[in-house]
Structures are given as structure tokens and as C-alpha cells.
Protein backbone atom coordinates (compact mmCIF):
# COMPACT_ATOMS: atom_id res chain seq x y z
CA UNK A 1 69.75 93.80 75.71
CA UNK A 2 72.70 95.39 73.92
CA UNK A 3 74.30 93.74 70.88
CA UNK A 4 77.87 92.45 70.76
CA UNK A 5 78.68 95.15 68.17
CA UNK A 6 77.96 97.79 70.83
CA UNK A 7 81.01 96.72 72.80
CA UNK A 8 83.80 98.11 70.63
CA UNK A 9 87.01 98.51 72.63
CA UNK A 10 89.20 101.61 72.40
CA UNK A 11 91.65 100.50 75.06
CA UNK A 12 94.89 101.05 73.10
CA UNK A 13 94.51 104.82 72.95
CA UNK A 14 93.54 105.09 76.62
CA UNK A 15 96.52 103.09 77.90
CA UNK A 16 99.41 105.05 76.41
CA UNK A 17 102.02 105.82 79.03
CA UNK A 18 100.37 103.65 81.69
CA UNK A 19 101.99 100.67 83.33
CA UNK A 20 100.70 97.22 82.49
CA UNK A 21 98.09 95.88 84.93
CA UNK A 22 97.55 92.32 86.12
CA UNK A 23 93.76 92.86 86.01
CA UNK A 24 93.00 96.25 84.48
CA UNK A 25 89.98 97.37 86.50
CA UNK A 26 90.57 101.03 85.69
CA UNK A 27 90.37 100.41 81.94
CA UNK A 28 87.30 98.27 82.45
CA UNK A 29 85.64 101.14 84.30
CA UNK A 30 86.59 103.69 81.64
CA UNK A 31 85.08 101.50 78.92
CA UNK A 32 81.77 101.31 80.79
CA UNK A 33 81.98 104.58 82.70
CA UNK A 34 78.70 106.17 81.64
CA UNK A 35 76.54 103.17 82.56
CA UNK A 36 78.34 102.60 85.87
CA UNK A 37 78.22 106.26 86.89
CA UNK A 38 74.50 106.46 86.14
CA UNK A 39 73.85 103.26 88.13
CA UNK A 40 75.73 104.58 91.18
CA UNK A 41 74.07 108.00 90.94
CA UNK A 42 70.61 106.43 90.80
CA UNK A 43 71.27 104.53 94.01
CA UNK A 44 72.49 107.70 95.71
CA UNK A 45 69.50 109.69 94.52
CA UNK A 46 67.05 106.98 95.63
CA UNK A 47 68.93 106.62 98.93
CA UNK A 48 67.85 103.00 99.27
CA UNK A 49 71.16 101.38 100.18
CA UNK A 50 70.11 97.92 101.43
CA UNK A 51 68.06 95.62 99.19
CA UNK A 52 65.61 97.18 96.80
CA UNK A 53 65.03 96.91 93.08
CA UNK A 54 68.68 96.68 91.89
CA UNK A 55 69.23 93.62 94.10
CA UNK A 56 66.00 92.00 92.90
CA UNK A 57 66.84 92.72 89.26
CA UNK A 58 70.36 91.37 89.63
CA UNK A 59 69.14 88.12 91.18
CA UNK A 60 66.67 87.68 88.32
CA UNK A 61 69.30 88.41 85.65
CA UNK A 62 71.87 86.07 87.20
CA UNK A 63 69.32 83.31 87.67
CA UNK A 64 68.30 83.56 84.00
CA UNK A 65 71.90 83.65 82.78
CA UNK A 66 73.05 80.67 84.84
CA UNK A 67 69.83 78.73 84.22
CA UNK A 68 68.78 77.91 87.78
CA UNK A 69 65.60 78.66 89.69
CA UNK A 70 67.05 80.64 92.59
CA UNK A 71 69.84 83.20 92.90
CA UNK A 72 70.36 84.61 96.40
CA UNK A 73 72.92 87.41 96.69
CA UNK A 74 75.04 87.83 99.79
CA UNK A 75 77.98 89.80 101.15
CA UNK A 76 80.85 87.77 99.67
CA UNK A 77 81.87 84.44 98.20
CA UNK A 78 83.02 83.02 101.53
CA UNK A 79 79.64 83.64 103.14
CA UNK A 80 78.03 82.04 100.09
CA UNK A 81 79.89 78.78 100.77
CA UNK A 82 79.09 78.89 104.47
CA UNK A 83 75.40 79.56 103.79
CA UNK A 84 75.26 76.47 101.58
CA UNK A 85 76.77 74.25 104.28
CA UNK A 86 74.41 75.74 106.87
CA UNK A 87 71.39 75.06 104.68
CA UNK A 88 72.46 71.41 104.49
CA UNK A 89 73.01 71.17 108.24
CA UNK A 90 76.67 70.14 107.84
CA UNK A 91 78.52 69.95 111.15
CA UNK A 92 80.51 67.83 113.60
CA UNK A 93 81.28 64.32 112.42
CA UNK A 94 80.82 65.20 108.73
CA UNK A 95 83.59 64.93 106.13
CA UNK A 96 83.69 67.60 103.45
CA UNK A 97 86.03 66.88 100.53
CA UNK A 98 87.79 69.95 99.17
CA UNK A 99 90.59 70.51 96.64
CA UNK A 100 93.94 71.21 98.24
CA UNK A 101 94.98 73.71 95.57
CA UNK A 102 92.59 76.63 95.96
CA UNK A 103 92.11 79.88 97.87
CA UNK A 104 91.92 79.38 101.62
CA UNK A 105 88.28 80.42 102.00
CA UNK A 106 87.01 77.33 100.16
CA UNK A 107 88.29 75.14 103.00
CA UNK A 108 88.00 77.72 105.79
CA UNK A 109 84.21 77.46 105.96
CA UNK A 110 84.32 73.73 106.72
CA UNK A 111 85.76 73.91 110.27
CA UNK A 112 83.67 77.05 110.77
CA UNK A 113 80.50 74.91 110.67
CA UNK A 114 82.16 72.20 112.77
CA UNK A 115 82.89 69.69 109.98
CA UNK A 116 86.22 68.15 108.97
CA UNK A 117 87.95 69.11 105.70
CA UNK A 118 89.46 66.28 103.69
CA UNK A 119 91.99 67.62 101.20
CA UNK A 120 91.97 66.24 97.66
CA UNK A 121 94.78 66.51 95.15
CA UNK A 122 94.27 68.20 91.78
CA UNK A 123 95.07 67.57 88.13
CA UNK A 124 98.33 69.19 87.05
CA UNK A 125 97.01 70.26 83.64
CA UNK A 126 93.70 71.88 84.71
CA UNK A 127 94.46 72.67 88.39
CA UNK A 128 91.01 71.31 89.28
CA UNK A 129 90.04 68.55 91.71
CA UNK A 130 91.13 65.04 90.73
CA UNK A 131 88.24 62.59 90.48
CA UNK A 132 90.59 59.67 91.13
CA UNK A 133 92.00 61.27 94.29
CA UNK A 134 88.49 62.14 95.43
CA UNK A 135 87.28 58.56 95.25
CA UNK A 136 90.40 57.30 97.03
CA UNK A 137 89.81 59.75 99.90
CA UNK A 138 86.12 58.81 100.18
CA UNK A 139 87.08 55.14 100.48
CA UNK A 140 89.70 55.97 103.13
CA UNK A 141 87.14 57.91 105.18
CA UNK A 142 84.61 55.08 104.91
CA UNK A 143 87.23 52.49 105.86
CA UNK A 144 88.23 54.39 109.00
CA UNK A 145 84.58 54.93 109.98
CA UNK A 146 85.12 57.99 112.17
CA UNK A 147 83.47 60.54 109.83
CA UNK A 148 80.43 60.48 107.56
CA UNK A 149 81.13 61.59 103.96
CA UNK A 150 78.64 64.36 103.18
CA UNK A 151 79.82 66.97 100.67
CA UNK A 152 82.34 67.45 97.90
CA UNK A 153 83.29 71.05 97.11
CA UNK A 154 84.51 71.31 93.51
CA UNK A 155 86.22 74.59 92.60
CA UNK A 156 86.15 76.16 89.13
CA UNK A 157 89.75 77.24 89.56
CA UNK A 158 91.15 80.04 87.41
CA UNK A 159 87.90 80.13 85.40
CA UNK A 160 87.45 76.57 84.09
CA UNK A 161 84.64 74.47 85.54
CA UNK A 162 85.72 71.39 87.43
CA UNK A 163 85.14 68.05 85.72
CA UNK A 164 81.55 67.86 86.94
CA UNK A 165 80.49 64.91 84.77
CA UNK A 166 83.04 62.78 86.66
CA UNK A 167 82.52 64.49 90.04
CA UNK A 168 78.77 63.96 89.94
CA UNK A 169 79.16 60.27 89.08
CA UNK A 170 81.29 59.79 92.19
CA UNK A 171 78.96 61.92 94.32
CA UNK A 172 75.97 59.83 93.23
CA UNK A 173 77.84 56.60 93.93
CA UNK A 174 78.61 57.61 97.52
CA UNK A 175 75.51 59.74 98.18
CA UNK A 176 77.37 63.05 98.47
CA UNK A 177 76.03 66.55 97.95
CA UNK A 178 77.97 68.66 95.41
CA UNK A 179 78.84 72.26 96.23
CA UNK A 180 80.26 74.17 93.28
CA UNK A 181 82.64 76.97 94.27
CA UNK A 182 82.35 79.15 91.18
CA UNK A 183 84.10 82.17 92.73
CA UNK A 184 86.60 82.21 89.85
CA UNK A 185 84.44 80.42 87.30
CA UNK A 186 81.42 82.64 86.66
CA UNK A 187 80.99 82.79 82.88
CA UNK A 188 82.59 79.41 82.25
CA UNK A 189 80.68 76.57 80.59
CA UNK A 190 80.57 72.87 79.90
CA UNK A 191 78.86 72.63 76.55
CA UNK A 192 75.82 74.87 76.76
CA UNK A 193 75.52 74.64 80.55
CA UNK A 194 76.76 77.61 82.56
CA UNK A 195 79.07 77.53 85.54
CA UNK A 196 77.27 77.97 88.88
CA UNK A 197 74.62 75.47 87.78
CA UNK A 198 76.61 72.24 88.29
CA UNK A 199 76.25 71.87 92.04
CA UNK A 200 73.27 70.91 94.15
CA UNK A 201 74.13 74.37 95.41
CA UNK A 202 76.61 76.61 93.59
CA UNK A 203 78.24 79.84 94.69
CA UNK A 204 80.23 82.70 93.23
CA UNK A 205 82.12 85.82 94.30
CA UNK A 206 81.95 89.35 92.93
CA UNK A 207 85.28 90.45 94.42
CA UNK A 208 86.59 93.19 92.07
CA UNK A 209 89.21 91.04 90.33
CA UNK A 210 86.86 88.12 89.64
CA UNK A 211 85.54 87.56 86.08
CA UNK A 212 82.41 89.56 87.00
CA UNK A 213 83.38 91.88 89.82
CA UNK A 214 81.79 94.70 91.76
CA UNK A 215 83.58 97.57 93.53
CA UNK A 216 83.79 95.98 96.96
CA UNK A 217 82.69 92.58 98.21
CA UNK A 218 79.76 90.56 96.97
CA UNK A 219 78.63 87.00 96.39
CA UNK A 220 75.73 84.82 95.33
CA UNK A 221 74.25 81.37 95.90
CA UNK A 222 72.46 79.39 93.16
CA UNK A 223 70.14 76.39 93.52
CA UNK A 224 67.03 74.79 92.06
CA UNK A 225 65.93 73.55 95.49
CA UNK A 226 63.12 75.65 97.01
CA UNK A 227 63.72 74.50 100.59
CA UNK A 228 67.43 75.25 100.55
CA UNK A 229 66.83 78.63 98.91
CA UNK A 230 64.38 79.59 101.63
CA UNK A 231 66.81 78.55 104.36
CA UNK A 232 69.65 80.54 102.75
CA UNK A 233 67.45 83.64 102.52
CA UNK A 234 66.74 83.23 106.23
CA UNK A 235 70.31 82.50 107.32
CA UNK A 236 71.75 85.48 105.44
CA UNK A 237 69.56 87.94 107.41
CA UNK A 238 70.13 86.85 111.02
CA UNK A 239 67.99 83.73 110.65
CA UNK A 240 64.85 85.73 109.91
CA UNK A 241 61.38 84.21 109.81
CA UNK A 242 58.46 86.23 108.47
CA UNK A 243 60.59 89.40 108.78
CA UNK A 244 64.01 90.45 110.06
CA UNK A 245 62.63 91.00 113.59
CA UNK A 246 61.26 87.46 113.70
CA UNK A 247 64.40 85.38 114.26
CA UNK A 248 63.80 81.64 114.03
CA UNK A 249 67.41 80.39 113.72
CA UNK A 250 70.97 81.63 114.27
CA UNK A 251 72.21 83.24 111.07
CA UNK A 252 74.58 85.79 109.58
CA UNK A 253 74.52 89.38 108.42
CA UNK A 254 75.33 88.81 104.77
CA UNK A 255 73.55 91.09 102.32
CA UNK A 256 74.75 92.51 99.01
CA UNK A 257 74.77 96.31 99.11
CA UNK A 258 72.40 97.99 96.67
CA UNK A 259 75.19 100.02 95.08
CA UNK A 260 77.16 96.84 94.35
CA UNK A 261 74.11 95.26 92.74
CA UNK A 262 73.65 98.34 90.57
CA UNK A 263 77.30 98.22 89.48
CA UNK A 264 77.04 94.53 88.58
CA UNK A 265 73.89 95.17 86.55
CA UNK A 266 75.70 97.95 84.67
CA UNK A 267 78.62 95.63 83.89
CA UNK A 268 76.71 92.44 83.12
CA UNK A 269 75.86 92.90 79.43
CA UNK A 270 79.43 93.85 78.52
CA UNK A 271 80.74 90.87 80.49
CA UNK A 272 78.43 88.41 78.70
CA UNK A 273 78.61 89.87 75.19
CA UNK A 274 82.22 91.05 74.95
CA UNK A 275 84.57 90.36 77.85
CA UNK A 276 84.22 86.57 77.86
CA UNK A 277 85.15 86.39 74.18
CA UNK A 278 88.08 88.74 74.74
CA UNK A 279 89.65 86.81 77.63
CA UNK A 280 89.49 83.69 75.49
CA UNK A 281 91.21 85.62 72.69
CA UNK A 282 93.97 86.56 75.15
CA UNK A 283 94.27 82.95 76.33
CA UNK A 284 94.51 81.71 72.73
CA UNK A 285 97.28 84.21 72.03
CA UNK A 286 99.22 83.13 75.11
CA UNK A 287 98.83 79.49 74.11
CA UNK A 288 100.06 80.17 70.59
CA UNK A 289 103.13 81.98 71.89
CA UNK A 290 104.07 79.81 74.87
CA UNK A 291 102.83 76.28 74.18
CA UNK A 292 106.28 75.03 73.11
CA UNK A 293 108.13 76.93 75.85
CA UNK A 294 106.32 76.32 79.16
CA UNK A 295 103.40 74.22 80.34
CA UNK A 296 100.23 76.19 79.57
CA UNK A 297 96.82 75.42 81.12
CA UNK A 298 94.65 72.80 79.47
CA UNK A 299 91.01 73.53 78.71
CA UNK A 300 89.12 70.25 78.49
CA UNK A 301 87.15 69.39 75.35
CA UNK A 302 83.72 71.07 75.32
CA UNK A 303 84.72 73.24 78.31
CA UNK A 304 84.94 77.04 78.25
CA UNK A 305 86.95 79.06 80.78
CA UNK A 306 86.20 82.60 81.94
CA UNK A 307 89.94 83.00 82.69
CA UNK A 308 90.08 84.51 86.15
CA UNK A 309 93.81 83.77 85.88
CA UNK A 310 96.23 82.53 83.24
CA UNK A 311 98.62 80.26 85.10
CA UNK A 312 101.66 78.55 83.59
CA UNK A 313 103.93 75.93 85.10
CA UNK A 314 107.71 76.16 85.04
CA UNK A 315 110.18 73.30 85.48
CA UNK A 316 110.84 73.90 89.17
CA UNK A 317 110.90 76.51 91.95
CA UNK A 318 114.22 78.04 90.88
CA UNK A 319 113.03 78.55 87.32
CA UNK A 320 109.75 80.06 88.55
CA UNK A 321 111.59 82.53 90.78
CA UNK A 322 113.96 83.43 87.95
CA UNK A 323 111.09 84.10 85.53
CA UNK A 324 109.13 86.01 88.19
CA UNK A 325 112.08 88.27 89.04
CA UNK A 326 112.87 88.84 85.37
CA UNK A 327 109.29 89.81 84.58
CA UNK A 328 109.11 92.16 87.54
CA UNK A 329 112.33 93.80 86.37
CA UNK A 330 110.56 94.46 83.07
CA UNK A 331 107.57 95.95 84.97
CA UNK A 332 105.36 93.01 83.97
CA UNK A 333 103.05 92.18 86.89
CA UNK A 334 102.99 88.47 87.72
CA UNK A 335 101.60 86.62 90.74
CA UNK A 336 101.92 83.23 92.40
CA UNK A 337 98.50 81.56 92.80
CA UNK A 338 99.03 79.63 95.06
CA UNK A 339 102.40 79.14 96.80
CA UNK A 340 101.24 76.18 98.88
CA UNK A 341 98.33 73.84 99.38
CA UNK A 342 95.66 74.29 102.03
CA UNK A 343 97.02 71.30 103.97
CA UNK A 344 100.33 73.17 104.29
CA UNK A 345 98.71 76.20 105.93
CA UNK A 346 99.33 76.53 109.68
CA UNK A 347 95.63 77.01 110.38
CA UNK A 348 94.85 73.59 108.84
CA UNK A 349 97.67 71.65 110.45
CA UNK A 350 95.36 69.36 112.45
CA UNK A 351 93.61 68.23 109.24
CA UNK A 352 96.70 67.79 107.04
CA UNK A 353 97.27 64.38 105.47
CA UNK A 354 94.39 62.75 107.36
CA UNK A 355 93.16 60.68 104.44
CA UNK A 356 95.78 60.99 101.72
CA UNK A 357 98.66 62.98 100.29
CA UNK A 358 98.56 65.81 97.75
CA UNK A 359 101.87 65.60 95.83
CA UNK A 360 100.59 67.36 92.70
CA UNK A 361 99.47 70.36 94.73
CA UNK A 362 102.83 70.53 96.51
CA UNK A 363 104.68 70.48 93.18
CA UNK A 364 102.40 73.05 91.51
CA UNK A 365 102.85 75.47 94.41
CA UNK A 366 106.58 75.53 93.76
CA UNK A 367 106.45 76.20 90.02
CA UNK A 368 103.18 78.01 89.10
CA UNK A 369 103.13 81.59 87.84
CA UNK A 370 100.10 83.66 86.82
CA UNK A 371 100.43 86.17 83.99
CA UNK A 372 98.41 89.33 83.28
CA UNK A 373 94.92 88.33 82.14
CA UNK A 374 91.97 90.56 81.37
CA UNK A 375 89.81 91.45 78.35
CA UNK A 376 91.62 94.74 77.73
CA UNK A 377 95.01 93.14 77.12
CA UNK A 378 96.02 93.67 73.49
CA UNK A 379 97.60 91.04 71.27
CA UNK A 380 100.78 93.14 71.18
CA UNK A 381 100.94 93.16 74.98
CA UNK A 382 100.41 89.40 75.20
CA UNK A 383 103.17 88.85 72.65
CA UNK A 384 105.44 91.23 74.57
CA UNK A 385 104.85 89.29 77.81
CA UNK A 386 105.40 85.98 76.01
CA UNK A 387 108.59 87.17 74.33
CA UNK A 388 110.04 88.19 77.69
CA UNK A 389 109.34 84.70 79.03
CA UNK A 390 110.91 83.11 75.93
CA UNK A 391 113.94 85.38 76.32
CA UNK A 392 114.34 84.50 80.01
CA UNK A 393 113.90 80.80 79.28
CA UNK A 394 116.63 81.05 76.64
CA UNK A 395 119.04 82.61 79.14
CA UNK A 396 118.28 79.79 81.57
CA UNK A 397 119.34 77.03 79.12
């Protein structure tokens, strides 16, 4: 295991003359180039491209880091969510409660297994699922009596774990399973407990721009339950039994490529020992610069975010568009995550507003703006970004 002092960053000299990046994956690669290149070369030389030792090692390392018994890698974060629902036998007639303000895939897997998504509003200061709205929706479902409440999916949006102490109390009260979508939250914590350990099953994504990303697609499922782990290992390889030619159930083709596992192993120590501290440094600098100017994200007491995104809220849609255009004119990359709630998507029209409204989500979608966020962003760059926002806000007065 390498020491934190081994991860000295020389990013200022490497970035001269380059445009600012929203997530600087090139700089990240350059800082860890030797280890990554060796890892890729070893896979090519061994010519074992599916499974093998890198995948086994990665699952062991991730399991140890998160603090759960089983880590099962798969092809992507969406498959990871679907595999969890399949292991639980979720299907027609089941209600799955899901935050309305999240990436589409979190909710997409619910109709895919035949269940019904019930959209839950979020908290405006953390962007995570609202415990109060969740309980209201559960009671509405029970009152109607058409569906059986089965699962709540809580998303660690933008890097901060959902309020699992409250979510789990509600889940226990109504006998719900908890599925943690940690696609954006890997590396976050509540106290000493790591993200991806808060659900009965938890999942993550290794999409390149995630806190810990590979160079393609990848995902993982985490659980302490032996039976569910065995089912997930079967489902992810065509429902295999004793081997992949013994098919005992209908499954998926969802394996993590060996080269992606090797890349993640090469990046893991730097992520744990350096990058997580650095993204929190960047977030602290943003907060210090912008706290009196715009609404900055709240990190709950005793919570730690891995800062997949740094998302601010402006007064309204017009102000957001003005700031966005002004930043783009300055060649500062900004993004809107997310412009509308899941219930507003055409593909989810039949499920919209079934058991409650999501006014906070609808408001956030009109005024949220995500700023550059990555561990290689210097304090000078954060101050430059912040000063542009302050300048634009001043012109808008």
C-alpha cells in the first residue's frame, strides 16, 4: 500500500496552455500514467481478457475498502441495479420508490423488471431523497392497495450518501428492502462507514467520469448476503449454474472486462489516499468563495462526499441560463445535472404523479448548474471560476 506522501501532484506545470476541463481525465491519467500503462500492458501480454486475476483482486480490494462481504463486478452501473432487483425477485405488482431527481438509469431498471416506479421528491440542500416524501408515498401506495411496497432506491447523488439513518428507519417500519445506488457516491462516508455499504444491496458505477472511473463501462454490486451474492453471480453470466454452459435461470451478459479491472486497480490507491482529500479541498474552496453569492450544496454533519459533481442553485431559470452562457463565453465548462425530473421524462409518462408530486425536483431542474470538479483543479482555478460567477451575478443585479 502506497503512502499519502507518494501522491504529490504536479498538475500546474502540465496544464499550461490547455483549456479547463469539467472532469480532467487526461490529467488524472498523466499523474498515474506509469502504473496504468503497466497494468494495461500486463493484460495484453497475458491475453486473458475476460475474468482472471485482476477481476478477482479488484473484487477483494473493493470489498475490503467498502467493508462488506461480497463485491461482484459487472458491466456497468445500470446492470448492477437490475441485478439487485432480479436477485430479490422484484416484478409485476411491486412498488419501487426512487428519487425523482437522479440520472434516468436509476428508475429505468424498475419497469425493466416489470415493477412500478414511485417517484419521490428530494431535499433542496443535499439533492438526495426526502425521507418525509418517501413515507408519504409509501402511505399513499398502501392506502390505494393496488401495489405492494417492496424496495426503496436511495441515490448518493453528486457524491454525498443519502440520509441512510432516516431511510433505514422508514424501510424497517414498512418492511422495505434498501438498494443503495452509489454510482456517484463511491468514496463517500457517513462517519466511518463507507458508501456502498448502506443498502441491503448496494451498487456503483465505474463510468470514466465517476469518482473512481475506468476507461469504458464498469460496475459493481455489494452485499453481505450470501444467497443474494450467489444469485447475482449467476444472473450476470446468463443465469449460470455450476458453469456458464449450465444455465439454470434467465440472466444477462454483464461482466467487467479484465483490462478495466486492471485500470481500476492501478487507480485505486491514488483515489483513496489522495484524490478524495483533493476533491474535498476543491469543494471547500468553492464554498468559501460562493457561499454568500449562490446556494452551495450542503454536506450533512458527519457525512463526507466524494464530489462526483459540484452543483449550485441559482435564483431561477433565467439566472441559471445567464450564468451558464456567461461561463461558456469565458471557456469555463459547466453542465446542467439534471434539467428535469424522471417523472417529466416522456418514457415515464405513465408513472408520473401516481402517488405524489415532486415540486422541489421541478424547481431544482430549472436553476441547478454544475461547475468543474476534480482533484486536479487548483485553488487559483476554483477562485477564477468563482470570481466569474460573482462578476456575472453583479451584472444581473
